[in-house]
């Protein structure tokens, strides 16, 4: 097993290449997300309690139910990120005919296969350095769209969530070399 940074491991097998990118982050960041999630649960529980045991007018109840819908949506989002930071990995497999990318939490996820013949290259995702989208994408409380993208004949697929630029550049070089190697074999 070879490593690029702390989060990326890869291995070249006889007939295929595998790469694993861990979703883990610093321990203090995960602990902060846990505290935030617990506070979010407490606030939602308090609102739900008062909705059930208080006599609000109909228009206020409609507002509170809409509020609870948004509350549930953001609870889902932060829980998903929390599980990603604790147990998530991106699994990339490359062989003579397919490039497969799978984003997995506790082993659950959907593998997306792409024909190796359709892969043009892997490159950095183009985000301006000081743009809002770059800052938001690099924030630890979101999954992010991916630092790298696979350029296919008809689409671009993001992967490599929140990689630093040095690791990203090394990974691009490695994957592009593996793609060329496997395109020649296939």
N, C-alpha and C. Protein backbone atom coordinates (compact mmCIF):
# COMPACT_ATOMS: atom_id res chain seq x y z
N UNK A 1 0.85 -1.18 0.00
CA UNK A 1 0.00 0.00 0.00
C UNK A 1 0.90 1.24 0.00
N UNK A 2 0.62 2.16 -0.89
CA UNK A 2 1.35 3.42 -0.97
C UNK A 2 0.43 4.55 -0.52
N UNK A 3 1.04 5.63 -0.05
CA UNK A 3 0.26 6.75 0.49
C UNK A 3 0.64 8.07 -0.18
N UNK A 4 -0.38 8.93 -0.35
CA UNK A 4 -0.19 10.31 -0.74
C UNK A 4 -0.85 11.12 0.37
N UNK A 5 -0.09 11.78 1.19
CA UNK A 5 -0.64 12.50 2.33
C UNK A 5 -1.19 11.53 3.37
N UNK A 6 -2.08 12.04 4.21
CA UNK A 6 -2.65 11.22 5.28
C UNK A 6 -3.95 10.53 4.88
N UNK A 7 -4.61 11.00 3.83
CA UNK A 7 -5.95 10.51 3.51
C UNK A 7 -6.03 9.64 2.26
N UNK A 8 -4.97 9.55 1.48
CA UNK A 8 -5.04 8.85 0.20
C UNK A 8 -4.11 7.65 0.21
N UNK A 9 -4.65 6.48 -0.08
CA UNK A 9 -3.84 5.27 -0.23
C UNK A 9 -4.16 4.63 -1.57
N UNK A 10 -3.16 3.99 -2.16
CA UNK A 10 -3.39 3.33 -3.44
C UNK A 10 -2.53 2.09 -3.55
N UNK A 11 -2.96 1.20 -4.43
CA UNK A 11 -2.21 -0.03 -4.67
C UNK A 11 -2.38 -0.43 -6.13
N UNK A 12 -1.29 -0.82 -6.73
CA UNK A 12 -1.31 -1.30 -8.10
C UNK A 12 -1.27 -2.83 -8.07
N UNK A 13 -2.35 -3.45 -8.52
CA UNK A 13 -2.47 -4.90 -8.56
C UNK A 13 -2.05 -5.37 -9.95
N UNK A 14 -2.06 -6.68 -10.17
CA UNK A 14 -1.65 -7.22 -11.46
C UNK A 14 -2.55 -6.74 -12.61
N UNK A 15 -3.86 -6.75 -12.39
CA UNK A 15 -4.78 -6.42 -13.47
C UNK A 15 -5.63 -5.17 -13.23
N UNK A 16 -5.46 -4.51 -12.10
CA UNK A 16 -6.22 -3.30 -11.82
C UNK A 16 -5.47 -2.41 -10.83
N UNK A 17 -6.02 -1.21 -10.63
CA UNK A 17 -5.44 -0.21 -9.74
C UNK A 17 -6.55 0.25 -8.80
N UNK A 18 -6.27 0.32 -7.50
CA UNK A 18 -7.26 0.79 -6.54
C UNK A 18 -6.74 1.99 -5.78
N UNK A 19 -7.66 2.88 -5.45
CA UNK A 19 -7.32 4.11 -4.75
C UNK A 19 -8.42 4.37 -3.72
N UNK A 20 -8.02 4.71 -2.50
CA UNK A 20 -8.98 5.01 -1.45
C UNK A 20 -8.67 6.39 -0.89
N UNK A 21 -9.70 7.25 -0.86
CA UNK A 21 -9.58 8.58 -0.28
C UNK A 21 -10.48 8.61 0.95
N UNK A 22 -9.91 8.82 2.09
CA UNK A 22 -10.67 8.84 3.34
C UNK A 22 -11.36 10.19 3.50
N UNK A 23 -12.54 10.17 4.09
CA UNK A 23 -13.28 11.39 4.36
C UNK A 23 -12.98 11.99 5.72
N UNK A 24 -12.08 11.36 6.46
CA UNK A 24 -11.79 11.80 7.83
C UNK A 24 -11.14 13.17 7.86
N UNK A 25 -11.35 13.86 8.99
CA UNK A 25 -10.78 15.18 9.21
C UNK A 25 -10.24 15.23 10.63
N UNK A 26 -9.76 16.37 11.04
CA UNK A 26 -9.21 16.52 12.39
C UNK A 26 -10.25 16.16 13.44
N UNK A 27 -9.77 15.61 14.54
CA UNK A 27 -10.67 15.15 15.61
C UNK A 27 -11.48 16.31 16.21
N UNK A 28 -10.85 17.46 16.38
CA UNK A 28 -11.57 18.59 16.98
C UNK A 28 -12.72 19.06 16.10
N UNK A 29 -12.56 18.93 14.79
CA UNK A 29 -13.63 19.33 13.88
C UNK A 29 -14.83 18.38 14.00
N UNK A 30 -14.54 17.09 14.13
CA UNK A 30 -15.62 16.11 14.31
C UNK A 30 -16.33 16.35 15.64
N UNK A 31 -15.57 16.62 16.68
CA UNK A 31 -16.18 16.90 17.98
C UNK A 31 -17.05 18.16 17.94
N UNK A 32 -16.59 19.17 17.23
CA UNK A 32 -17.39 20.39 17.08
C UNK A 32 -18.69 20.10 16.34
N UNK A 33 -18.63 19.26 15.31
CA UNK A 33 -19.85 18.89 14.59
C UNK A 33 -20.80 18.10 15.47
N UNK A 34 -20.27 17.24 16.34
CA UNK A 34 -21.12 16.49 17.27
C UNK A 34 -21.83 17.43 18.23
N UNK A 35 -21.09 18.39 18.78
CA UNK A 35 -21.70 19.37 19.69
C UNK A 35 -22.77 20.17 18.96
N UNK A 36 -22.48 20.61 17.74
CA UNK A 36 -23.44 21.37 16.96
C UNK A 36 -24.70 20.54 16.67
N UNK A 37 -24.51 19.26 16.34
CA UNK A 37 -25.64 18.37 16.06
C UNK A 37 -26.50 18.18 17.30
N UNK A 38 -25.87 18.00 18.44
CA UNK A 38 -26.64 17.85 19.69
C UNK A 38 -27.42 19.12 20.02
N UNK A 39 -26.79 20.28 19.82
CA UNK A 39 -27.50 21.55 20.04
C UNK A 39 -28.68 21.68 19.07
N UNK A 40 -28.47 21.27 17.82
CA UNK A 40 -29.53 21.32 16.81
C UNK A 40 -30.69 20.40 17.21
N UNK A 41 -30.36 19.20 17.70
CA UNK A 41 -31.39 18.28 18.16
C UNK A 41 -32.17 18.86 19.34
N UNK A 42 -31.47 19.46 20.27
CA UNK A 42 -32.13 20.07 21.43
C UNK A 42 -33.10 21.16 21.00
N UNK A 43 -32.65 22.04 20.10
CA UNK A 43 -33.51 23.15 19.64
C UNK A 43 -34.74 22.62 18.91
N UNK A 44 -34.56 21.65 18.04
CA UNK A 44 -35.70 21.06 17.34
C UNK A 44 -36.64 20.35 18.28
N UNK A 45 -36.08 19.64 19.27
CA UNK A 45 -36.91 18.97 20.26
C UNK A 45 -37.72 19.96 21.08
N UNK A 46 -37.12 21.09 21.43
CA UNK A 46 -37.84 22.11 22.19
C UNK A 46 -38.99 22.70 21.38
N UNK A 47 -38.74 22.98 20.11
CA UNK A 47 -39.80 23.52 19.25
C UNK A 47 -40.91 22.49 19.11
N UNK A 48 -40.57 21.23 18.89
CA UNK A 48 -41.57 20.18 18.74
C UNK A 48 -42.37 20.00 20.02
N UNK A 49 -41.71 20.07 21.16
CA UNK A 49 -42.40 19.96 22.44
C UNK A 49 -43.44 21.07 22.60
N UNK A 50 -43.04 22.30 22.32
CA UNK A 50 -43.98 23.42 22.45
C UNK A 50 -45.09 23.37 21.41
N UNK A 51 -44.80 22.78 20.25
CA UNK A 51 -45.85 22.62 19.24
C UNK A 51 -46.92 21.64 19.74
N UNK A 52 -46.50 20.59 20.42
CA UNK A 52 -47.43 19.55 20.86
C UNK A 52 -48.21 19.96 22.11
N UNK A 53 -47.59 20.71 22.99
CA UNK A 53 -48.21 20.98 24.29
C UNK A 53 -48.63 22.43 24.50
N UNK A 54 -48.68 23.19 23.43
CA UNK A 54 -49.16 24.58 23.53
C UNK A 54 -50.28 24.77 22.52
N UNK A 55 -51.10 25.76 22.77
CA UNK A 55 -52.23 26.02 21.89
C UNK A 55 -51.93 27.26 21.05
N UNK A 56 -51.28 27.04 19.90
CA UNK A 56 -50.95 28.13 19.00
C UNK A 56 -52.07 28.33 17.98
N UNK A 57 -52.23 29.54 17.47
CA UNK A 57 -53.18 29.77 16.37
C UNK A 57 -52.73 28.99 15.12
N UNK A 58 -53.66 28.76 14.22
CA UNK A 58 -53.42 27.95 13.03
C UNK A 58 -52.26 28.50 12.18
N UNK A 59 -52.20 29.81 11.97
CA UNK A 59 -51.14 30.38 11.13
C UNK A 59 -49.75 30.19 11.76
N UNK A 60 -49.66 30.23 13.09
CA UNK A 60 -48.38 29.99 13.74
C UNK A 60 -47.99 28.51 13.65
N UNK A 61 -48.97 27.62 13.73
CA UNK A 61 -48.68 26.19 13.59
C UNK A 61 -48.18 25.87 12.19
N UNK A 62 -48.75 26.51 11.18
CA UNK A 62 -48.27 26.30 9.81
C UNK A 62 -46.81 26.74 9.71
N UNK A 63 -46.50 27.91 10.26
CA UNK A 63 -45.12 28.38 10.26
C UNK A 63 -44.20 27.39 10.97
N UNK A 64 -44.63 26.88 12.14
CA UNK A 64 -43.78 25.96 12.90
C UNK A 64 -43.57 24.63 12.16
N UNK A 65 -44.59 24.14 11.46
CA UNK A 65 -44.42 22.91 10.68
C UNK A 65 -43.46 23.13 9.51
N UNK A 66 -43.53 24.28 8.88
CA UNK A 66 -42.58 24.60 7.80
C UNK A 66 -41.18 24.72 8.38
N UNK A 67 -41.07 25.37 9.52
CA UNK A 67 -39.79 25.48 10.21
C UNK A 67 -39.23 24.09 10.52
N UNK A 68 -40.06 23.18 11.00
CA UNK A 68 -39.61 21.83 11.33
C UNK A 68 -39.17 21.06 10.07
N UNK A 69 -39.79 21.36 8.93
CA UNK A 69 -39.34 20.76 7.67
C UNK A 69 -37.92 21.17 7.35
N UNK A 70 -37.63 22.48 7.47
CA UNK A 70 -36.27 22.95 7.25
C UNK A 70 -35.32 22.38 8.31
N UNK A 71 -35.78 22.30 9.54
CA UNK A 71 -34.97 21.77 10.61
C UNK A 71 -34.58 20.32 10.31
N UNK A 72 -35.52 19.50 9.85
CA UNK A 72 -35.22 18.11 9.49
C UNK A 72 -34.24 18.01 8.34
N UNK A 73 -34.41 18.88 7.34
CA UNK A 73 -33.49 18.88 6.19
C UNK A 73 -32.06 19.15 6.64
N UNK A 74 -31.87 20.16 7.47
CA UNK A 74 -30.52 20.48 7.91
C UNK A 74 -29.98 19.46 8.92
N UNK A 75 -30.85 18.80 9.67
CA UNK A 75 -30.42 17.70 10.53
C UNK A 75 -29.89 16.55 9.67
N UNK A 76 -30.59 16.24 8.58
CA UNK A 76 -30.13 15.21 7.65
C UNK A 76 -28.76 15.58 7.07
N UNK A 77 -28.61 16.84 6.64
CA UNK A 77 -27.35 17.27 6.02
C UNK A 77 -26.17 17.15 6.99
N UNK A 78 -26.33 17.64 8.23
CA UNK A 78 -25.21 17.60 9.17
C UNK A 78 -24.93 16.17 9.62
N UNK A 79 -25.97 15.34 9.75
CA UNK A 79 -25.75 13.94 10.13
C UNK A 79 -25.00 13.21 9.04
N UNK A 80 -25.34 13.48 7.81
CA UNK A 80 -24.65 12.86 6.68
C UNK A 80 -23.17 13.26 6.65
N UNK A 81 -22.89 14.53 6.87
CA UNK A 81 -21.50 15.00 6.90
C UNK A 81 -20.76 14.39 8.09
N UNK A 82 -21.42 14.30 9.22
CA UNK A 82 -20.80 13.72 10.41
C UNK A 82 -20.42 12.26 10.17
N UNK A 83 -21.33 11.49 9.58
CA UNK A 83 -21.01 10.10 9.25
C UNK A 83 -19.91 10.02 8.20
N UNK A 84 -19.93 10.95 7.24
CA UNK A 84 -18.88 10.96 6.22
C UNK A 84 -17.51 11.20 6.88
N UNK A 85 -17.44 12.14 7.80
CA UNK A 85 -16.17 12.47 8.46
C UNK A 85 -15.67 11.33 9.34
N UNK A 86 -16.57 10.53 9.87
CA UNK A 86 -16.17 9.42 10.74
C UNK A 86 -15.92 8.12 9.95
N UNK A 87 -16.77 7.83 8.95
CA UNK A 87 -16.73 6.51 8.32
C UNK A 87 -16.67 6.53 6.80
N UNK A 88 -16.54 7.68 6.18
CA UNK A 88 -16.66 7.76 4.73
C UNK A 88 -15.36 7.55 3.99
N UNK A 89 -15.47 6.94 2.81
CA UNK A 89 -14.33 6.80 1.89
C UNK A 89 -14.82 6.95 0.46
N UNK A 90 -13.89 7.37 -0.38
CA UNK A 90 -14.12 7.34 -1.82
C UNK A 90 -13.23 6.23 -2.36
N UNK A 91 -13.83 5.32 -3.09
CA UNK A 91 -13.12 4.17 -3.63
C UNK A 91 -13.08 4.29 -5.14
N UNK A 92 -11.87 4.28 -5.71
CA UNK A 92 -11.71 4.37 -7.16
C UNK A 92 -10.98 3.11 -7.62
N UNK A 93 -11.56 2.45 -8.61
CA UNK A 93 -10.95 1.24 -9.18
C UNK A 93 -10.80 1.46 -10.68
N UNK A 94 -9.65 1.11 -11.17
CA UNK A 94 -9.32 1.30 -12.58
C UNK A 94 -8.80 -0.01 -13.14
N UNK A 95 -9.43 -0.52 -14.18
CA UNK A 95 -8.92 -1.71 -14.85
C UNK A 95 -8.92 -1.48 -16.35
N UNK A 96 -8.75 -2.54 -17.12
CA UNK A 96 -8.56 -2.36 -18.56
C UNK A 96 -9.78 -1.83 -19.29
N UNK A 97 -10.97 -1.96 -18.72
CA UNK A 97 -12.14 -1.45 -19.44
C UNK A 97 -13.02 -0.49 -18.65
N UNK A 98 -12.83 -0.34 -17.35
CA UNK A 98 -13.71 0.52 -16.55
C UNK A 98 -12.95 1.34 -15.51
N UNK A 99 -13.48 2.53 -15.28
CA UNK A 99 -13.10 3.37 -14.15
C UNK A 99 -14.34 3.43 -13.27
N UNK A 100 -14.22 2.99 -12.02
CA UNK A 100 -15.36 2.96 -11.12
C UNK A 100 -15.08 3.87 -9.94
N UNK A 101 -16.05 4.74 -9.62
CA UNK A 101 -15.94 5.66 -8.49
C UNK A 101 -17.10 5.38 -7.54
N UNK A 102 -16.78 5.17 -6.27
CA UNK A 102 -17.82 4.90 -5.27
C UNK A 102 -17.57 5.76 -4.05
N UNK A 103 -18.58 6.52 -3.66
CA UNK A 103 -18.55 7.29 -2.41
C UNK A 103 -19.34 6.47 -1.40
N UNK A 104 -18.68 6.06 -0.33
CA UNK A 104 -19.26 5.08 0.58
C UNK A 104 -19.21 5.55 2.02
N UNK A 105 -20.31 5.31 2.75
CA UNK A 105 -20.36 5.53 4.19
C UNK A 105 -20.73 4.19 4.81
N UNK A 106 -19.85 3.66 5.64
CA UNK A 106 -20.05 2.34 6.27
C UNK A 106 -20.32 1.25 5.24
N UNK A 107 -19.70 1.34 4.08
CA UNK A 107 -19.86 0.34 3.04
C UNK A 107 -21.05 0.57 2.12
N UNK A 108 -21.93 1.51 2.47
CA UNK A 108 -23.10 1.79 1.64
C UNK A 108 -22.80 2.93 0.68
N UNK A 109 -23.14 2.73 -0.55
CA UNK A 109 -22.94 3.73 -1.58
C UNK A 109 -23.13 3.08 -2.94
N UNK A 110 -23.23 3.89 -3.95
CA UNK A 110 -23.44 3.38 -5.29
C UNK A 110 -22.17 3.56 -6.10
N UNK A 111 -21.69 2.48 -6.68
CA UNK A 111 -20.51 2.54 -7.55
C UNK A 111 -20.95 3.01 -8.93
N UNK A 112 -20.23 4.00 -9.46
CA UNK A 112 -20.55 4.53 -10.79
C UNK A 112 -19.44 4.12 -11.75
N UNK A 113 -19.73 3.19 -12.66
CA UNK A 113 -18.71 2.76 -13.63
C UNK A 113 -18.73 3.62 -14.89
N UNK A 114 -17.55 3.84 -15.45
CA UNK A 114 -17.39 4.59 -16.69
C UNK A 114 -16.42 3.81 -17.58
N UNK A 115 -16.72 3.77 -18.86
CA UNK A 115 -15.81 3.08 -19.78
C UNK A 115 -14.48 3.83 -19.86
N UNK A 116 -13.40 3.10 -19.76
CA UNK A 116 -12.07 3.71 -19.78
C UNK A 116 -11.80 4.39 -21.12
N UNK A 117 -12.43 3.90 -22.19
CA UNK A 117 -12.25 4.50 -23.50
C UNK A 117 -12.84 5.91 -23.58
N UNK A 118 -13.83 6.21 -22.73
CA UNK A 118 -14.47 7.53 -22.72
C UNK A 118 -13.75 8.54 -21.84
N UNK A 119 -12.80 8.08 -21.03
CA UNK A 119 -12.08 8.97 -20.11
C UNK A 119 -11.01 9.74 -20.89
N UNK A 120 -11.08 11.05 -20.83
CA UNK A 120 -10.09 11.88 -21.50
C UNK A 120 -8.92 12.18 -20.56
N UNK A 121 -9.25 12.68 -19.35
CA UNK A 121 -8.20 12.98 -18.37
C UNK A 121 -8.84 13.26 -17.02
N UNK A 122 -7.99 13.39 -16.02
CA UNK A 122 -8.40 13.82 -14.69
C UNK A 122 -7.72 15.16 -14.46
N UNK A 123 -8.47 16.13 -13.92
CA UNK A 123 -7.92 17.46 -13.70
C UNK A 123 -8.49 18.06 -12.42
N UNK A 124 -7.91 19.17 -11.99
CA UNK A 124 -8.43 19.90 -10.83
C UNK A 124 -9.75 20.57 -11.19
N UNK A 125 -10.68 20.59 -10.24
CA UNK A 125 -11.92 21.32 -10.43
C UNK A 125 -11.61 22.80 -10.45
N UNK A 126 -12.17 23.50 -11.41
CA UNK A 126 -11.87 24.91 -11.56
C UNK A 126 -12.76 25.76 -10.66
N UNK A 127 -12.21 26.20 -9.54
CA UNK A 127 -12.87 27.14 -8.64
C UNK A 127 -11.89 28.28 -8.38
N UNK A 128 -12.36 29.49 -8.50
CA UNK A 128 -11.48 30.64 -8.23
C UNK A 128 -11.04 30.61 -6.77
N UNK A 129 -9.78 30.92 -6.54
CA UNK A 129 -9.16 30.76 -5.22
C UNK A 129 -9.90 31.50 -4.11
N UNK A 130 -10.36 32.70 -4.33
CA UNK A 130 -11.01 33.48 -3.27
C UNK A 130 -12.51 33.61 -3.47
N UNK A 131 -13.10 32.69 -4.22
CA UNK A 131 -14.54 32.76 -4.46
C UNK A 131 -15.32 32.13 -3.30
N UNK A 132 -16.59 32.49 -3.20
CA UNK A 132 -17.45 31.92 -2.17
C UNK A 132 -17.56 30.40 -2.33
N UNK A 133 -17.70 29.94 -3.57
CA UNK A 133 -17.86 28.51 -3.82
C UNK A 133 -16.63 27.72 -3.38
N UNK A 134 -15.44 28.27 -3.56
CA UNK A 134 -14.20 27.61 -3.12
C UNK A 134 -14.15 27.54 -1.59
N UNK A 135 -14.45 28.63 -0.92
CA UNK A 135 -14.43 28.66 0.55
C UNK A 135 -15.48 27.71 1.11
N UNK A 136 -16.69 27.73 0.55
CA UNK A 136 -17.75 26.85 1.02
C UNK A 136 -17.41 25.39 0.76
N UNK A 137 -16.85 25.08 -0.42
CA UNK A 137 -16.49 23.72 -0.79
C UNK A 137 -15.40 23.16 0.14
N UNK A 138 -14.53 24.00 0.65
CA UNK A 138 -13.44 23.56 1.52
C UNK A 138 -13.82 23.56 3.01
N UNK A 139 -15.03 23.97 3.35
CA UNK A 139 -15.46 24.00 4.74
C UNK A 139 -15.68 22.58 5.25
N UNK A 140 -15.31 22.33 6.49
CA UNK A 140 -15.39 20.97 7.01
C UNK A 140 -16.80 20.52 7.33
N UNK A 141 -17.77 21.42 7.40
CA UNK A 141 -19.13 21.02 7.74
C UNK A 141 -19.97 20.68 6.51
N UNK A 142 -19.37 20.64 5.33
CA UNK A 142 -20.06 20.19 4.12
C UNK A 142 -19.25 19.07 3.47
N UNK A 143 -19.90 18.27 2.67
CA UNK A 143 -19.19 17.20 1.96
C UNK A 143 -18.29 17.75 0.86
N UNK A 144 -18.71 18.79 0.22
CA UNK A 144 -17.93 19.36 -0.88
C UNK A 144 -18.20 18.63 -2.18
N UNK A 145 -17.96 19.31 -3.27
CA UNK A 145 -18.25 18.72 -4.57
C UNK A 145 -17.10 17.87 -5.10
N UNK A 146 -15.94 18.00 -4.56
CA UNK A 146 -14.79 17.25 -5.05
C UNK A 146 -13.74 18.20 -5.59
N UNK A 147 -12.51 17.90 -5.30
CA UNK A 147 -11.39 18.73 -5.73
C UNK A 147 -10.95 18.37 -7.14
N UNK A 148 -11.19 17.12 -7.53
CA UNK A 148 -10.78 16.62 -8.84
C UNK A 148 -12.00 16.27 -9.67
N UNK A 149 -11.80 16.21 -10.97
CA UNK A 149 -12.89 15.77 -11.84
C UNK A 149 -12.34 14.92 -12.97
N UNK A 150 -13.11 13.90 -13.29
CA UNK A 150 -12.81 13.03 -14.43
C UNK A 150 -13.53 13.63 -15.63
N UNK A 151 -12.78 13.95 -16.67
CA UNK A 151 -13.36 14.50 -17.88
C UNK A 151 -13.65 13.35 -18.84
N UNK A 152 -14.93 13.15 -19.13
CA UNK A 152 -15.37 12.12 -20.06
C UNK A 152 -15.75 12.78 -21.36
N UNK A 153 -16.13 11.99 -22.34
CA UNK A 153 -16.55 12.54 -23.62
C UNK A 153 -17.72 13.51 -23.49
N UNK A 154 -18.67 13.19 -22.60
CA UNK A 154 -19.90 13.98 -22.53
C UNK A 154 -20.21 14.57 -21.16
N UNK A 155 -19.35 14.36 -20.16
CA UNK A 155 -19.64 14.88 -18.82
C UNK A 155 -18.37 14.98 -17.98
N UNK A 156 -18.52 15.60 -16.81
CA UNK A 156 -17.44 15.70 -15.83
C UNK A 156 -17.96 15.15 -14.51
N UNK A 157 -17.17 14.29 -13.87
CA UNK A 157 -17.55 13.65 -12.62
C UNK A 157 -16.58 14.10 -11.54
N UNK A 158 -17.10 14.71 -10.46
CA UNK A 158 -16.27 15.18 -9.35
C UNK A 158 -16.00 14.07 -8.36
N UNK A 159 -14.80 14.09 -7.79
CA UNK A 159 -14.44 13.20 -6.69
C UNK A 159 -13.26 13.82 -5.95
N UNK A 160 -12.82 13.18 -4.89
CA UNK A 160 -11.69 13.71 -4.12
C UNK A 160 -12.11 14.86 -3.23
N UNK A 161 -13.09 14.64 -2.40
CA UNK A 161 -13.66 15.69 -1.57
C UNK A 161 -12.62 16.32 -0.65
N UNK A 162 -12.42 17.63 -0.81
CA UNK A 162 -11.60 18.48 0.06
C UNK A 162 -10.15 18.03 0.18
N UNK A 163 -9.55 17.72 -0.94
CA UNK A 163 -8.11 17.41 -0.95
C UNK A 163 -7.32 18.70 -1.03
N UNK A 164 -6.15 18.72 -0.41
CA UNK A 164 -5.29 19.90 -0.56
C UNK A 164 -4.67 19.87 -1.95
N UNK A 165 -4.17 21.01 -2.41
CA UNK A 165 -3.71 21.13 -3.80
C UNK A 165 -2.50 20.25 -4.09
N UNK A 166 -1.58 20.09 -3.13
CA UNK A 166 -0.41 19.23 -3.37
C UNK A 166 -0.83 17.78 -3.58
N UNK A 167 -1.69 17.28 -2.69
CA UNK A 167 -2.17 15.90 -2.83
C UNK A 167 -2.96 15.75 -4.12
N UNK A 168 -3.76 16.75 -4.45
CA UNK A 168 -4.55 16.71 -5.67
C UNK A 168 -3.69 16.63 -6.92
N UNK A 169 -2.62 17.42 -6.97
CA UNK A 169 -1.73 17.39 -8.13
C UNK A 169 -1.01 16.05 -8.26
N UNK A 170 -0.55 15.50 -7.14
CA UNK A 170 0.10 14.19 -7.17
C UNK A 170 -0.88 13.11 -7.62
N UNK A 171 -2.10 13.21 -7.14
CA UNK A 171 -3.13 12.24 -7.48
C UNK A 171 -3.50 12.32 -8.95
N UNK A 172 -3.59 13.53 -9.49
CA UNK A 172 -3.90 13.71 -10.92
C UNK A 172 -2.84 13.03 -11.78
N UNK A 173 -1.59 13.27 -11.44
CA UNK A 173 -0.49 12.67 -12.21
C UNK A 173 -0.55 11.14 -12.14
N UNK A 174 -0.79 10.61 -10.96
CA UNK A 174 -0.86 9.17 -10.77
C UNK A 174 -2.03 8.56 -11.55
N UNK A 175 -3.21 9.15 -11.42
CA UNK A 175 -4.39 8.58 -12.09
C UNK A 175 -4.29 8.70 -13.61
N UNK A 176 -3.81 9.86 -14.10
CA UNK A 176 -3.65 10.00 -15.55
C UNK A 176 -2.67 8.97 -16.11
N UNK A 177 -1.59 8.71 -15.38
CA UNK A 177 -0.64 7.67 -15.81
C UNK A 177 -1.30 6.29 -15.82
N UNK A 178 -2.10 6.00 -14.80
CA UNK A 178 -2.79 4.71 -14.74
C UNK A 178 -3.83 4.59 -15.85
N UNK A 179 -4.52 5.68 -16.16
CA UNK A 179 -5.51 5.66 -17.25
C UNK A 179 -4.82 5.35 -18.57
N UNK A 180 -3.72 6.03 -18.86
CA UNK A 180 -2.99 5.78 -20.10
C UNK A 180 -2.50 4.33 -20.16
N UNK A 181 -2.01 3.84 -19.04
CA UNK A 181 -1.52 2.46 -18.97
C UNK A 181 -2.65 1.46 -19.26
N UNK A 182 -3.80 1.67 -18.65
CA UNK A 182 -4.91 0.73 -18.83
C UNK A 182 -5.62 0.92 -20.17
N UNK A 183 -5.58 2.11 -20.77
CA UNK A 183 -6.15 2.30 -22.10
C UNK A 183 -5.31 1.57 -23.13
N UNK A 184 -3.98 1.52 -22.93
CA UNK A 184 -3.12 0.79 -23.85
C UNK A 184 -3.34 -0.72 -23.75
N UNK A 185 -3.58 -1.19 -22.53
CA UNK A 185 -3.81 -2.63 -22.33
C UNK A 185 -5.15 -3.05 -22.93
N UNK A 186 -6.19 -2.20 -22.71
CA UNK A 186 -7.56 -2.53 -23.16
C UNK A 186 -7.74 -2.34 -24.58
